Amino acid sequence: MVPGLPAVSRCDWQTGAMQMQASGRTWAVATPHVLATEAASISFERGGNAIDAALASATTLAVVYPHMCGVGGDLFALVQHPAGDVVAINASGRAPAGIDPAAAATAGDGRMPEHGPLSVTVPGAVSGWEALHHQGARLGWTDAFTAAVAYAHGGVTVSPSLAGTLAEDGERLRADAGLAEVFFPDGVAAPVHTAIRQPALGATLQTIADSGPPIWYGGEIGERFATGLRKLGVPIDGADMAGHRADLGTPLRARFGEFDVLVHPPNSQGFVLLEALAVIERMRLDPDPVGPDAGLIAHVLRASARDRDRHLADAERMRVHPSTLLDDGHLGAVADAVRAGVPGPPPSLARRSGDTIAVVTADAEGRGVSLIQSLYGGFGAGLLEPDTGVVAQNRGAGFVLDPGHPNSLSPGVRPAHTLSPVTVQRAGRLEAVAGTMGGSAQPQILATILLRALRLGMSPAEAVAAPRWLVGGMAPEGEQPITIAESDVPASTVQVLKEAGYRVDTVGERDEAVGHSHMVRAVADGFDAGSDPRADGGAMAS
């Protein structure tokens, strides 16, 4: 158990416990769940650095936010080292060798299945934790699992976000025996404040902590996971698990005023953010997302998303390199299309309950971590393998079934991925780390918070909390594209978006439908940290 923590941890969700803006500090962290933030702070207090803190948060979130991320999901991260070099960690899994595109087409009625056995890909998160630990963690591998194991066995109270997913997707999720046993006691979705325990998951995490990742990739626990999934119809086996490795790479970077913005290369959609920021700067648009140029910003976000939908895939299969999409000629063409009012079809923003988590950490030695991990949809594929307690992701839903598309489903291939960690530098030094949930809208959300922080001078807490709108989808009755806007978006902004040709659908204030984001920024006397009030988390610095 974690010293000082109760057997069943309870949080005061109503008061936003541990939510703060802090400066003059030697370390900082922001996460979507207060217990993950606390786990990071304990790592710092025990002598760990930003890498240790990010790891402790990530493993804890695998337990306390089980609808959004876990051992059965994927991970991307950017790690800045004190010397200024940044490493990109790609811990996304591939389609199983036994996947059959024809069977997927049948199951999905001609489209890639959104959930279920044929949407499962090999889970990469544990390999990402390992790769992150090797980047210079000070604490031991087992230390990263202390809080996670404690909460899995001792229990944790249900957060509003988790309760919302259980209620929203209850019928589908209850159909899986593994999920039903843990999250639907007596057949009813566990409500907010009730305690859930996950002993099988706790045992899995403890074994991974004690034996290391090889017990998951090619070892006994991974074999048990694959065997259990095959019983549920997933075409995965031990060889798929054993063959997985995380990759280390070099981030993509682009200049944005006096800053360098760094993102993860494909199969991440990170280049979409760089394209959007570059076009906004090229067109000299007012950078306020709720300002007079909101309609043109919407067009820019729409056009950059179109490039993702056309080209993003496994890096080995992409036919157009991101450098081409970020060169002067292409950026000019995008700007011309925006000025002409023809930015292309809007991206899909089909609501996925659950989705993704982001963790951002920094320390006084110059390290910064932006880590994103996910099951994709709420509880991923909707399958909890009962022997290991691990929920399988549905990241295979990111494939398409058009054989002529670079992102077509194929055995052993990584899908186009939404996870998009971000690092910002100024003169080679860490300026900020940021991340968000939001599926395909992650570049939009990141563009919004970076414009607010880097151009409008907002603090991280202000930038992530301010009202948001997103572009996505077409109105069912016609050709008009849709934006969804929180109810506190100014009426003048709503009018600008309508005049730009968008139908505006309103959601509540601080609604998870527009994602939740987190940011840490370096300041003269330490760090500012902001955690999105749309989540259940907090920011801390000390």
Protein backbone atom coordinates (compact mmCIF):
# COMPACT_ATOMS: atom_id res chain seq x y z
CA MET A 1 0.00 0.00 0.00
CA VAL A 2 1.05 3.62 -0.48
CA PRO A 3 2.11 5.09 2.90
CA GLY A 4 -0.54 7.46 4.19
CA LEU A 5 -3.22 6.40 1.72
CA PRO A 6 -6.40 4.67 2.87
CA ALA A 7 -7.34 1.18 1.70
CA VAL A 8 -10.06 2.75 -0.44
CA SER A 9 -9.03 6.16 -1.67
CA ARG A 10 -11.73 8.81 -1.70
CA CYS A 11 -11.55 12.18 -3.42
CA ASP A 12 -13.67 15.29 -3.04
CA TRP A 13 -14.65 15.61 -6.70
CA GLN A 14 -16.96 18.53 -5.97
CA THR A 15 -14.22 20.83 -4.65
CA GLY A 16 -11.65 19.99 -7.31
CA ALA A 17 -9.13 18.71 -4.80
CA MET A 18 -5.46 19.34 -5.66
CA GLN A 19 -6.38 21.75 -8.46
CA MET A 20 -4.00 24.71 -8.37
CA GLN A 21 -1.86 27.10 -10.31
CA ALA A 22 1.68 27.13 -8.97
CA SER A 23 4.94 28.95 -9.62
CA GLY A 24 8.32 29.35 -7.96
CA ARG A 25 8.69 25.56 -7.88
CA THR A 26 11.35 23.00 -8.73
CA TRP A 27 8.96 20.46 -10.22
CA ALA A 28 5.46 20.35 -11.65
CA VAL A 29 2.84 17.86 -12.80
CA ALA A 30 -0.65 17.99 -14.28
CA THR A 31 -2.90 14.97 -14.85
CA PRO A 32 -6.63 14.25 -15.27
CA HIS A 33 -7.04 12.49 -11.91
CA VAL A 34 -6.07 13.71 -8.43
CA LEU A 35 -4.64 10.33 -7.42
CA ALA A 36 -2.33 10.28 -10.44
CA THR A 37 -1.18 13.79 -9.56
CA GLU A 38 -0.56 12.67 -5.99
CA ALA A 39 1.41 9.61 -7.16
CA ALA A 40 3.65 11.90 -9.22
CA SER A 41 4.19 14.23 -6.29
CA ILE A 42 5.23 11.30 -4.09
CA SER A 43 7.77 10.27 -6.75
CA PHE A 44 9.25 13.77 -6.74
CA GLU A 45 9.35 13.86 -2.96
CA ARG A 46 11.21 10.53 -2.90
CA GLY A 47 13.97 11.93 -5.10
CA GLY A 48 12.57 11.07 -8.51
CA ASN A 49 12.63 13.30 -11.56
CA ALA A 50 10.07 14.21 -14.23
CA ILE A 51 10.42 10.75 -15.79
CA ASP A 52 9.69 8.96 -12.50
CA ALA A 53 6.72 11.23 -11.88
CA ALA A 54 5.25 10.62 -15.32
CA LEU A 55 5.63 6.86 -14.88
CA ALA A 56 3.92 6.83 -11.49
CA SER A 57 1.05 8.87 -12.93
CA ALA A 58 0.71 6.64 -15.97
CA THR A 59 0.54 3.38 -14.03
CA THR A 60 -1.88 4.89 -11.51
CA LEU A 61 -4.18 6.09 -14.27
CA ALA A 62 -4.27 2.53 -15.63
CA VAL A 63 -6.20 1.70 -12.44
CA VAL A 64 -8.14 4.84 -11.50
CA TYR A 65 -9.17 5.80 -15.07
CA PRO A 66 -9.76 2.28 -16.46
CA HIS A 67 -12.21 3.50 -19.10
CA MET A 68 -9.54 5.66 -20.73
CA CYS A 69 -6.22 3.86 -20.47
CA GLY A 70 -4.46 0.82 -19.14
CA VAL A 71 -2.12 -2.12 -19.59
CA GLY A 72 -4.10 -3.13 -22.68
CA GLY A 73 -3.68 0.22 -24.45
CA ASP A 74 -1.05 2.25 -26.32
CA LEU A 75 1.31 5.09 -25.40
CA PHE A 76 3.23 7.91 -27.06
CA ALA A 77 5.61 10.24 -25.25
CA LEU A 78 8.07 13.05 -25.80
CA VAL A 79 10.93 13.28 -23.31
CA GLN A 80 13.10 16.39 -23.15
CA HIS A 81 16.46 15.94 -21.48
CA PRO A 82 18.42 18.67 -19.67
CA ALA A 83 20.76 19.16 -22.63
CA GLY A 84 17.77 20.02 -24.84
CA ASP A 85 17.52 16.82 -26.88
CA VAL A 86 14.03 15.33 -27.17
CA VAL A 87 13.24 11.64 -27.66
CA ALA A 88 9.98 10.39 -29.16
CA ILE A 89 8.67 7.10 -27.75
CA ASN A 90 6.26 5.18 -29.97
CA ALA A 91 4.64 2.38 -27.96
CA SER A 92 1.71 1.72 -30.27
CA GLY A 93 0.79 -1.83 -31.15
CA ARG A 94 0.22 -3.52 -34.48
CA ALA A 95 -2.70 -5.45 -35.92
CA PRO A 96 -2.49 -9.15 -34.99
CA ALA A 97 -0.97 -11.47 -37.56
CA GLY A 98 -4.27 -13.37 -37.69
CA ILE A 99 -6.47 -10.39 -38.56
CA ASP A 100 -8.65 -10.88 -41.64
CA PRO A 101 -9.74 -7.65 -43.39
CA ALA A 102 -12.63 -9.47 -45.06
CA ALA A 103 -13.92 -10.65 -41.69
CA ALA A 104 -13.57 -7.12 -40.33
CA ALA A 105 -15.60 -5.77 -43.24
CA THR A 106 -18.33 -8.30 -42.57
CA ALA A 107 -18.40 -7.57 -38.85
CA GLY A 108 -18.49 -3.81 -39.43
CA ASP A 109 -21.03 -3.88 -42.26
CA GLY A 110 -18.44 -2.63 -44.72
CA ARG A 111 -16.57 -0.42 -42.26
CA MET A 112 -13.88 -1.09 -39.70
CA PRO A 113 -15.59 -2.36 -36.50
CA GLU A 114 -15.72 0.30 -33.81
CA HIS A 115 -15.59 -2.19 -30.94
CA GLY A 116 -15.40 -5.92 -30.34
CA PRO A 117 -12.85 -8.64 -31.09
CA LEU A 118 -11.72 -7.44 -34.51
CA SER A 119 -10.91 -3.93 -33.27
CA VAL A 120 -8.16 -5.15 -30.90
CA THR A 121 -4.48 -4.44 -31.59
CA VAL A 122 -1.40 -5.50 -29.64
CA PRO A 123 -1.11 -3.41 -26.45
CA GLY A 124 1.97 -1.19 -26.31
CA ALA A 125 1.64 0.76 -23.06
CA VAL A 126 3.88 -1.45 -20.92
CA SER A 127 6.68 -1.22 -23.48
CA GLY A 128 6.24 2.54 -23.38
CA TRP A 129 6.60 2.57 -19.59
CA GLU A 130 9.79 0.56 -19.98
CA ALA A 131 11.18 2.85 -22.68
CA LEU A 132 10.38 5.89 -20.56
CA HIS A 133 12.09 4.39 -17.51
CA HIS A 134 15.22 3.81 -19.59
CA GLN A 135 15.33 7.53 -20.45
CA GLY A 136 16.88 8.27 -17.06
CA ALA A 137 14.51 7.48 -14.22
CA ARG A 138 16.14 7.81 -10.80
CA LEU A 139 13.81 5.49 -8.92
CA GLY A 140 13.54 1.75 -9.49
CA TRP A 141 11.16 0.12 -11.95
CA THR A 142 9.03 -1.32 -9.13
CA ASP A 143 8.63 2.11 -7.52
CA ALA A 144 6.53 3.22 -10.50
CA PHE A 145 3.85 0.65 -9.63
CA THR A 146 3.41 1.25 -5.90
CA ALA A 147 0.31 3.44 -6.04
CA ALA A 148 -1.25 1.56 -8.96
CA VAL A 149 -1.05 -1.80 -7.23
CA ALA A 150 -2.37 -0.32 -3.99
CA TYR A 151 -5.42 1.17 -5.68
CA ALA A 152 -6.16 -1.95 -7.71
CA HIS A 153 -6.25 -4.12 -4.57
CA GLY A 154 -7.42 -1.62 -1.98
CA GLY A 155 -9.96 0.07 -4.19
CA VAL A 156 -10.70 3.53 -5.49
CA THR A 157 -13.90 5.53 -5.69
CA VAL A 158 -15.58 6.00 -9.04
CA SER A 159 -14.86 9.38 -10.62
CA PRO A 160 -17.52 11.39 -12.47
CA SER A 161 -15.81 10.64 -15.80
CA LEU A 162 -15.81 6.89 -15.18
CA ALA A 163 -19.40 6.95 -13.95
CA GLY A 164 -20.43 8.85 -17.08
CA THR A 165 -18.90 6.24 -19.38
CA LEU A 166 -20.50 3.37 -17.45
CA ALA A 167 -23.89 5.07 -17.73
CA GLU A 168 -23.55 6.16 -21.34
CA ASP A 169 -22.33 2.83 -22.73
CA GLY A 170 -23.80 0.54 -20.10
CA GLU A 171 -25.70 -1.78 -22.41
CA ARG A 172 -22.66 -2.52 -24.58
CA LEU A 173 -20.22 -2.81 -21.68
CA ARG A 174 -22.44 -5.04 -19.53
CA ALA A 175 -22.46 -7.58 -22.35
CA ASP A 176 -18.84 -8.46 -21.53
CA ALA A 177 -18.61 -10.76 -18.51
CA GLY A 178 -15.25 -9.37 -17.39
CA LEU A 179 -16.41 -5.75 -17.39
CA ALA A 180 -19.75 -6.66 -15.85
CA GLU A 181 -18.13 -8.38 -12.88
CA VAL A 182 -15.91 -5.41 -11.98
CA PHE A 183 -17.92 -2.35 -12.97
CA PHE A 184 -21.57 -3.46 -12.87
CA PRO A 185 -22.15 -4.98 -9.44
CA ASP A 186 -25.60 -6.61 -9.30
CA GLY A 187 -26.02 -5.60 -12.95
CA VAL A 188 -26.01 -1.86 -12.23
CA ALA A 189 -23.30 0.60 -13.27
CA ALA A 190 -21.15 1.64 -10.33
CA PRO A 191 -22.13 5.24 -9.46
CA VAL A 192 -19.89 8.11 -8.38
CA HIS A 193 -18.28 7.69 -4.94
CA THR A 194 -18.75 3.93 -4.77
CA ALA A 195 -15.61 1.83 -4.46
CA ILE A 196 -14.33 -0.54 -7.11
CA ARG A 197 -11.55 -3.07 -6.67
CA GLN A 198 -9.61 -4.75 -9.47
CA PRO A 199 -7.64 -7.61 -7.86
CA ALA A 200 -6.81 -9.43 -11.11
CA LEU A 201 -5.40 -6.22 -12.57
CA GLY A 202 -3.51 -5.59 -9.35
CA ALA A 203 -1.90 -9.02 -9.58
CA THR A 204 -0.92 -8.37 -13.21
CA LEU A 205 0.65 -5.02 -12.36
CA GLN A 206 2.53 -6.52 -9.43
CA THR A 207 3.89 -9.30 -11.63
CA ILE A 208 5.02 -6.80 -14.28
CA ALA A 209 6.64 -4.72 -11.53
CA ASP A 210 8.45 -7.74 -10.08
CA SER A 211 9.42 -9.54 -13.31
CA GLY A 212 9.67 -6.69 -15.82
CA PRO A 213 8.01 -6.19 -19.22
CA PRO A 214 9.21 -9.53 -20.69
CA ILE A 215 6.61 -11.29 -18.54
CA TRP A 216 4.00 -9.38 -20.59
CA TYR A 217 5.70 -9.50 -24.00
CA GLY A 218 6.48 -13.16 -24.55
CA GLY A 219 6.04 -14.34 -20.97
CA GLU A 220 3.39 -16.02 -18.88
CA ILE A 221 1.12 -13.01 -18.25
CA GLY A 222 1.05 -11.98 -21.90
CA GLU A 223 0.28 -15.54 -22.97
CA ARG A 224 -2.60 -15.72 -20.51
CA PHE A 225 -3.93 -12.40 -21.83
CA ALA A 226 -3.76 -13.60 -25.44
CA THR A 227 -5.32 -16.95 -24.59
CA GLY A 228 -8.21 -15.27 -22.80
CA LEU A 229 -8.81 -12.88 -25.68
CA ARG A 230 -8.84 -15.72 -28.22
CA LYS A 231 -11.71 -17.24 -26.23
CA LEU A 232 -13.53 -13.95 -26.84
CA GLY A 233 -12.89 -14.08 -30.58
CA VAL A 234 -9.80 -11.85 -30.83
CA PRO A 235 -7.31 -13.16 -33.44
CA ILE A 236 -4.26 -12.50 -31.24
CA ASP A 237 -1.69 -14.95 -29.90
CA GLY A 238 1.47 -15.08 -27.82
CA ALA A 239 3.64 -14.48 -30.88
CA ASP A 240 1.90 -11.14 -31.49
CA MET A 241 2.67 -10.15 -27.90
CA ALA A 242 6.27 -11.40 -28.01
CA GLY A 243 6.98 -9.55 -31.24
CA HIS A 244 6.05 -6.12 -29.92
CA ARG A 245 8.69 -3.46 -29.27
CA ALA A 246 8.52 0.26 -28.55
CA ASP A 247 10.45 2.46 -30.97
CA LEU A 248 12.54 5.53 -30.20
CA GLY A 249 12.62 8.32 -32.75
CA THR A 250 13.17 11.99 -33.46
CA PRO A 251 10.28 14.45 -33.08
CA LEU A 252 8.98 16.64 -35.87
CA ARG A 253 9.51 20.31 -35.13
CA ALA A 254 8.38 23.62 -36.57
CA ARG A 255 9.02 27.24 -35.69
CA PHE A 256 6.14 29.23 -34.20
CA GLY A 257 7.30 32.78 -33.56
CA GLU A 258 10.13 32.59 -31.02
CA PHE A 259 9.20 29.03 -30.09
CA ASP A 260 9.88 25.57 -31.48
CA VAL A 261 6.91 23.23 -31.26
CA LEU A 262 7.82 19.52 -31.25
CA VAL A 263 5.40 16.68 -31.92
CA HIS A 264 5.57 12.94 -32.35
CA PRO A 265 6.11 11.70 -35.94
CA PRO A 266 3.69 9.28 -37.67
CA ASN A 267 1.86 7.11 -37.00
CA SER A 268 0.89 9.96 -34.61
CA GLN A 269 -1.19 12.78 -36.06
CA GLY A 270 1.15 15.36 -34.48
CA PHE A 271 2.04 16.99 -37.82
CA VAL A 272 -1.57 18.23 -38.05
CA LEU A 273 -0.91 20.61 -35.16
CA LEU A 274 2.25 21.95 -36.81
CA GLU A 275 0.40 22.51 -40.07
CA ALA A 276 -2.46 24.33 -38.38
CA LEU A 277 -0.18 26.63 -36.36
CA ALA A 278 1.94 27.38 -39.41
CA VAL A 279 -1.06 28.38 -41.53
CA ILE A 280 -2.57 30.50 -38.75
CA GLU A 281 0.75 32.34 -38.45
CA ARG A 282 1.20 32.58 -42.22
CA MET A 283 -2.25 34.16 -42.60
CA ARG A 284 -1.60 36.53 -39.67
CA LEU A 285 -4.91 35.58 -38.10
CA ASP A 286 -6.01 36.96 -34.78
CA PRO A 287 -4.77 34.19 -32.44
CA ASP A 288 -7.72 34.36 -30.07
CA PRO A 289 -9.82 31.21 -30.66
CA VAL A 290 -12.93 33.13 -29.60
CA GLY A 291 -11.88 36.29 -31.44
CA PRO A 292 -12.89 37.85 -34.76
CA ASP A 293 -11.03 35.24 -36.88
CA ALA A 294 -12.64 32.19 -35.25
CA GLY A 295 -14.28 31.22 -38.54
CA LEU A 296 -10.97 31.27 -40.42
CA ILE A 297 -9.28 29.32 -37.62
CA ALA A 298 -12.05 26.73 -37.97
CA HIS A 299 -11.29 26.52 -41.70
CA VAL A 300 -7.57 26.04 -40.97
CA LEU A 301 -8.24 23.25 -38.48
CA ARG A 302 -10.56 21.63 -40.98
CA ALA A 303 -8.02 21.79 -43.80
CA SER A 304 -5.17 20.35 -41.73
CA ALA A 305 -7.41 17.50 -40.57
CA ARG A 306 -8.16 16.71 -44.20
CA ASP A 307 -4.45 16.13 -44.78
CA ARG A 308 -4.39 13.72 -41.86
CA ASP A 309 -7.36 11.76 -43.18
CA ARG A 310 -5.74 11.48 -46.61
CA HIS A 311 -2.20 10.60 -45.63
CA LEU A 312 -1.66 9.45 -42.04
CA ALA A 313 -0.71 5.79 -41.56
CA ASP A 314 2.03 3.56 -40.24
CA ALA A 315 5.23 5.50 -41.00
CA GLU A 316 6.46 2.62 -43.17
CA ARG A 317 3.38 2.92 -45.41
CA MET A 318 2.93 6.68 -45.75
CA ARG A 319 3.27 7.88 -49.33
CA VAL A 320 3.50 11.59 -48.49
CA HIS A 321 6.07 12.54 -45.86
CA PRO A 322 5.03 15.10 -43.22
CA SER A 323 7.84 17.37 -44.43
CA THR A 324 5.94 17.75 -47.69
CA LEU A 325 2.79 18.76 -45.81
CA LEU A 326 4.81 21.32 -43.84
CA ASP A 327 6.77 22.84 -46.70
CA ASP A 328 6.17 26.36 -47.91
CA GLY A 329 4.34 25.35 -51.05
CA HIS A 330 1.77 23.19 -49.35
CA LEU A 331 1.21 25.65 -46.52
CA GLY A 332 0.58 28.35 -49.09
CA ALA A 333 -1.94 26.16 -50.89
CA VAL A 334 -3.78 25.48 -47.62
CA ALA A 335 -3.87 29.19 -46.82
CA ASP A 336 -5.26 29.93 -50.28
CA ALA A 337 -8.00 27.31 -49.81
CA VAL A 338 -8.93 28.82 -46.46
CA ARG A 339 -9.11 32.33 -47.90
CA ALA A 340 -11.32 31.00 -50.70
CA GLY A 341 -13.60 29.29 -48.21
CA VAL A 342 -12.98 25.79 -49.56
CA PRO A 343 -10.98 24.01 -46.81
CA GLY A 344 -12.35 20.57 -47.61
CA PRO A 345 -14.68 18.24 -45.72
CA PRO A 346 -14.67 18.52 -41.92
CA PRO A 347 -13.19 15.72 -39.83
CA SER A 348 -15.38 13.27 -38.00
CA LEU A 349 -15.83 14.00 -34.31
CA ALA A 350 -18.05 11.04 -33.52
CA ARG A 351 -18.25 11.05 -29.73
CA ARG A 352 -16.26 8.29 -28.07
CA SER A 353 -16.92 7.88 -24.40
CA GLY A 354 -13.74 7.42 -22.44
CA ASP A 355 -10.92 8.12 -24.88
CA THR A 356 -7.47 9.19 -23.65
CA ILE A 357 -5.34 10.64 -20.85
CA ALA A 358 -2.44 13.07 -20.88
CA VAL A 359 0.26 13.48 -18.22
CA VAL A 360 2.76 16.34 -18.24
CA THR A 361 5.70 16.72 -15.86
CA ALA A 362 8.81 18.90 -15.58
CA ASP A 363 11.72 19.35 -13.21
CA ALA A 364 14.27 22.03 -12.44
CA GLU A 365 17.10 20.20 -14.22
CA GLY A 366 15.38 20.79 -17.56
CA ARG A 367 13.51 17.54 -18.09
CA GLY A 368 10.00 17.56 -19.43
CA VAL A 369 7.63 14.71 -20.28
CA SER A 370 4.45 14.80 -22.34
CA LEU A 371 2.88 11.35 -22.15
CA ILE A 372 -0.38 10.23 -23.76
CA GLN A 373 -1.87 6.78 -23.23
CA SER A 374 -5.22 5.42 -24.29
CA LEU A 375 -7.62 2.56 -24.89
CA TYR A 376 -9.17 4.66 -27.70
CA GLY A 377 -12.92 4.29 -27.02
CA GLY A 378 -14.48 4.04 -23.59
CA PHE A 379 -13.15 0.73 -22.23
CA GLY A 380 -11.54 0.15 -25.61
CA ALA A 381 -12.92 -2.86 -27.44
CA GLY A 382 -15.38 -3.47 -24.61
CA LEU A 383 -13.53 -6.61 -23.53
CA LEU A 384 -11.92 -7.24 -20.14
CA GLU A 385 -9.80 -10.39 -20.13
CA PRO A 386 -10.79 -11.81 -16.72
CA ASP A 387 -7.65 -13.82 -15.89
CA THR A 388 -5.38 -10.77 -16.07
CA GLY A 389 -7.96 -8.05 -15.41
CA VAL A 390 -6.72 -6.16 -18.49
CA VAL A 391 -9.06 -4.23 -20.81
CA ALA A 392 -8.21 -4.61 -24.52
CA GLN A 393 -7.98 -1.47 -26.63
CA ASN A 394 -9.93 -0.90 -29.85
CA ARG A 395 -7.16 0.98 -31.61
CA GLY A 396 -7.78 -1.15 -34.71
CA ALA A 397 -10.85 1.03 -35.27
CA GLY A 398 -8.36 3.61 -36.56
CA PHE A 399 -7.75 1.56 -39.71
CA VAL A 400 -9.76 1.88 -42.91
CA LEU A 401 -10.83 -0.97 -45.17
CA ASP A 402 -10.05 0.71 -48.49
CA PRO A 403 -7.10 -1.37 -49.80
CA GLY A 404 -5.83 1.62 -51.75
CA HIS A 405 -5.41 3.80 -48.67
CA PRO A 406 -2.04 3.81 -46.84
CA ASN A 407 -3.94 3.24 -43.59
CA SER A 408 -5.71 0.10 -44.77
CA LEU A 409 -6.03 -2.78 -42.32
CA SER A 410 -3.28 -5.35 -42.72
CA PRO A 411 -1.61 -7.88 -40.38
CA GLY A 412 1.39 -6.54 -38.50
CA VAL A 413 0.73 -2.89 -39.35
CA ARG A 414 0.28 0.04 -36.96
CA PRO A 415 -2.91 2.09 -37.44
CA ALA A 416 -3.09 5.84 -37.88
CA HIS A 417 -3.04 7.15 -34.33
CA THR A 418 -4.67 10.08 -32.57
CA LEU A 419 -2.23 10.34 -29.62
CA SER A 420 -0.27 13.60 -29.90
CA PRO A 421 2.16 14.62 -27.14
CA VAL A 422 3.65 18.12 -27.45
CA THR A 423 6.81 19.85 -26.23
CA VAL A 424 7.64 23.53 -26.69
CA GLN A 425 11.17 24.92 -26.59
CA ARG A 426 12.61 28.41 -26.60
CA ALA A 427 16.29 28.68 -27.52
CA GLY A 428 16.67 24.96 -26.94
CA ARG A 429 15.36 25.09 -23.39
CA LEU A 430 12.13 23.59 -22.12
CA GLU A 431 9.30 26.10 -22.41
CA ALA A 432 6.24 23.89 -21.99
CA VAL A 433 4.84 20.38 -22.16
CA ALA A 434 1.19 19.83 -23.04
CA GLY A 435 -1.24 17.06 -23.85
CA THR A 436 -4.94 16.39 -24.24
CA MET A 437 -7.62 13.80 -24.71
CA GLY A 438 -9.99 14.28 -27.62
CA GLY A 439 -9.39 11.61 -30.27
CA SER A 440 -9.13 13.11 -33.73
CA ALA A 441 -9.69 16.58 -32.24
CA GLN A 442 -6.42 16.55 -30.28
CA PRO A 443 -4.62 18.88 -32.76
CA GLN A 444 -7.53 21.32 -32.54
CA ILE A 445 -7.48 21.38 -28.74
CA LEU A 446 -3.69 21.67 -28.63
CA ALA A 447 -3.73 24.52 -31.14
CA THR A 448 -6.30 26.32 -28.98
CA ILE A 449 -4.35 26.03 -25.73
CA LEU A 450 -1.00 26.88 -27.38
CA LEU A 451 -2.45 29.97 -29.05
CA ARG A 452 -3.81 31.09 -25.71
CA ALA A 453 -0.60 30.41 -23.81
CA LEU A 454 2.07 31.39 -26.36
CA ARG A 455 0.26 34.23 -28.13
CA LEU A 456 -2.28 35.61 -25.67
CA GLY A 457 -0.13 35.21 -22.56
CA MET A 458 -2.57 33.09 -20.59
CA SER A 459 -1.26 30.94 -17.75
CA PRO A 460 -1.51 27.17 -18.25
CA ALA A 461 -4.50 27.03 -15.89
CA GLU A 462 -6.28 29.79 -17.84
CA ALA A 463 -5.41 28.32 -21.24
CA VAL A 464 -6.77 24.85 -20.50
CA ALA A 465 -9.90 26.08 -18.70
CA ALA A 466 -11.10 28.73 -21.16
CA PRO A 467 -14.22 27.99 -23.28
CA ARG A 468 -13.64 25.85 -26.37
CA TRP A 469 -15.24 24.92 -29.64
CA LEU A 470 -14.32 22.16 -32.10
CA VAL A 471 -14.92 21.51 -35.79
CA GLY A 472 -16.26 18.15 -36.86
CA GLY A 473 -18.92 16.39 -38.89
CA MET A 474 -21.64 17.40 -41.30
CA ALA A 475 -25.22 18.23 -40.41
CA PRO A 476 -27.41 15.21 -41.25
CA GLU A 477 -29.83 17.26 -43.29
CA GLY A 478 -27.36 18.83 -45.68
CA GLU A 479 -23.94 20.15 -46.52
CA GLN A 480 -23.41 22.47 -43.57
CA PRO A 481 -20.38 21.56 -41.41
CA ILE A 482 -20.78 21.48 -37.64
CA THR A 483 -18.90 23.03 -34.76
CA ILE A 484 -19.64 22.06 -31.18
CA ALA A 485 -19.24 24.90 -28.70
CA GLU A 486 -19.43 25.07 -24.94
CA SER A 487 -22.29 27.22 -23.70
CA ASP A 488 -19.94 29.89 -22.35
CA VAL A 489 -18.30 30.51 -25.73
CA PRO A 490 -19.17 34.18 -26.41
CA ALA A 491 -22.22 34.87 -28.51
CA SER A 492 -20.07 36.97 -30.84
CA THR A 493 -17.88 33.92 -31.54
CA VAL A 494 -20.92 31.76 -32.24
CA GLN A 495 -22.09 34.37 -34.73
CA VAL A 496 -18.66 34.47 -36.44
CA LEU A 497 -18.71 30.68 -36.81
CA LYS A 498 -22.22 30.78 -38.26
CA GLU A 499 -21.21 33.48 -40.74
CA ALA A 500 -18.30 31.25 -41.78
CA GLY A 501 -20.82 28.58 -42.76
CA TYR A 502 -20.91 26.37 -39.65
CA ARG A 503 -23.87 25.04 -37.74
CA VAL A 504 -23.09 25.51 -34.05
CA ASP A 505 -24.25 22.80 -31.64
CA THR A 506 -24.01 23.78 -27.98
CA VAL A 507 -22.84 21.59 -25.10
CA GLY A 508 -22.52 22.52 -21.43
CA GLU A 509 -19.76 24.55 -19.83
CA ARG A 510 -16.52 22.63 -19.22
CA ASP A 511 -17.88 19.61 -21.05
CA GLU A 512 -15.67 16.54 -21.60
CA ALA A 513 -16.99 16.48 -25.18
CA VAL A 514 -14.39 19.14 -26.05
CA GLY A 515 -11.59 17.14 -24.41
CA HIS A 516 -9.52 17.78 -21.34
CA SER A 517 -5.99 19.12 -21.60
CA HIS A 518 -3.05 19.81 -19.30
CA MET A 519 0.01 22.02 -19.46
CA VAL A 520 3.19 22.80 -17.53
CA ARG A 521 5.13 25.91 -18.50
CA ALA A 522 8.52 27.17 -17.36
CA VAL A 523 8.52 30.66 -15.84
CA ALA A 524 11.25 32.84 -14.39
CA ASP A 525 11.03 31.40 -10.89
CA GLY A 526 9.95 27.82 -11.61
CA PHE A 527 6.81 26.46 -13.25
CA ASP A 528 3.16 27.18 -13.80
CA ALA A 529 0.92 24.13 -14.11
CA GLY A 530 -2.68 23.82 -15.22
CA SER A 531 -5.03 20.83 -15.20
CA ASP A 532 -8.30 20.96 -17.12
CA PRO A 533 -11.38 21.39 -14.90
CA ARG A 534 -13.27 19.20 -17.37
CA ALA A 535 -11.39 16.22 -15.91
CA ASP A 536 -11.04 14.90 -12.36
CA GLY A 537 -7.44 15.91 -11.90
CA GLY A 538 -5.12 18.55 -10.67
CA ALA A 539 -1.83 20.35 -11.07
CA MET A 540 0.85 20.43 -8.42
CA ALA A 541 4.27 22.00 -8.05
CA SER A 542 6.75 22.15 -5.22
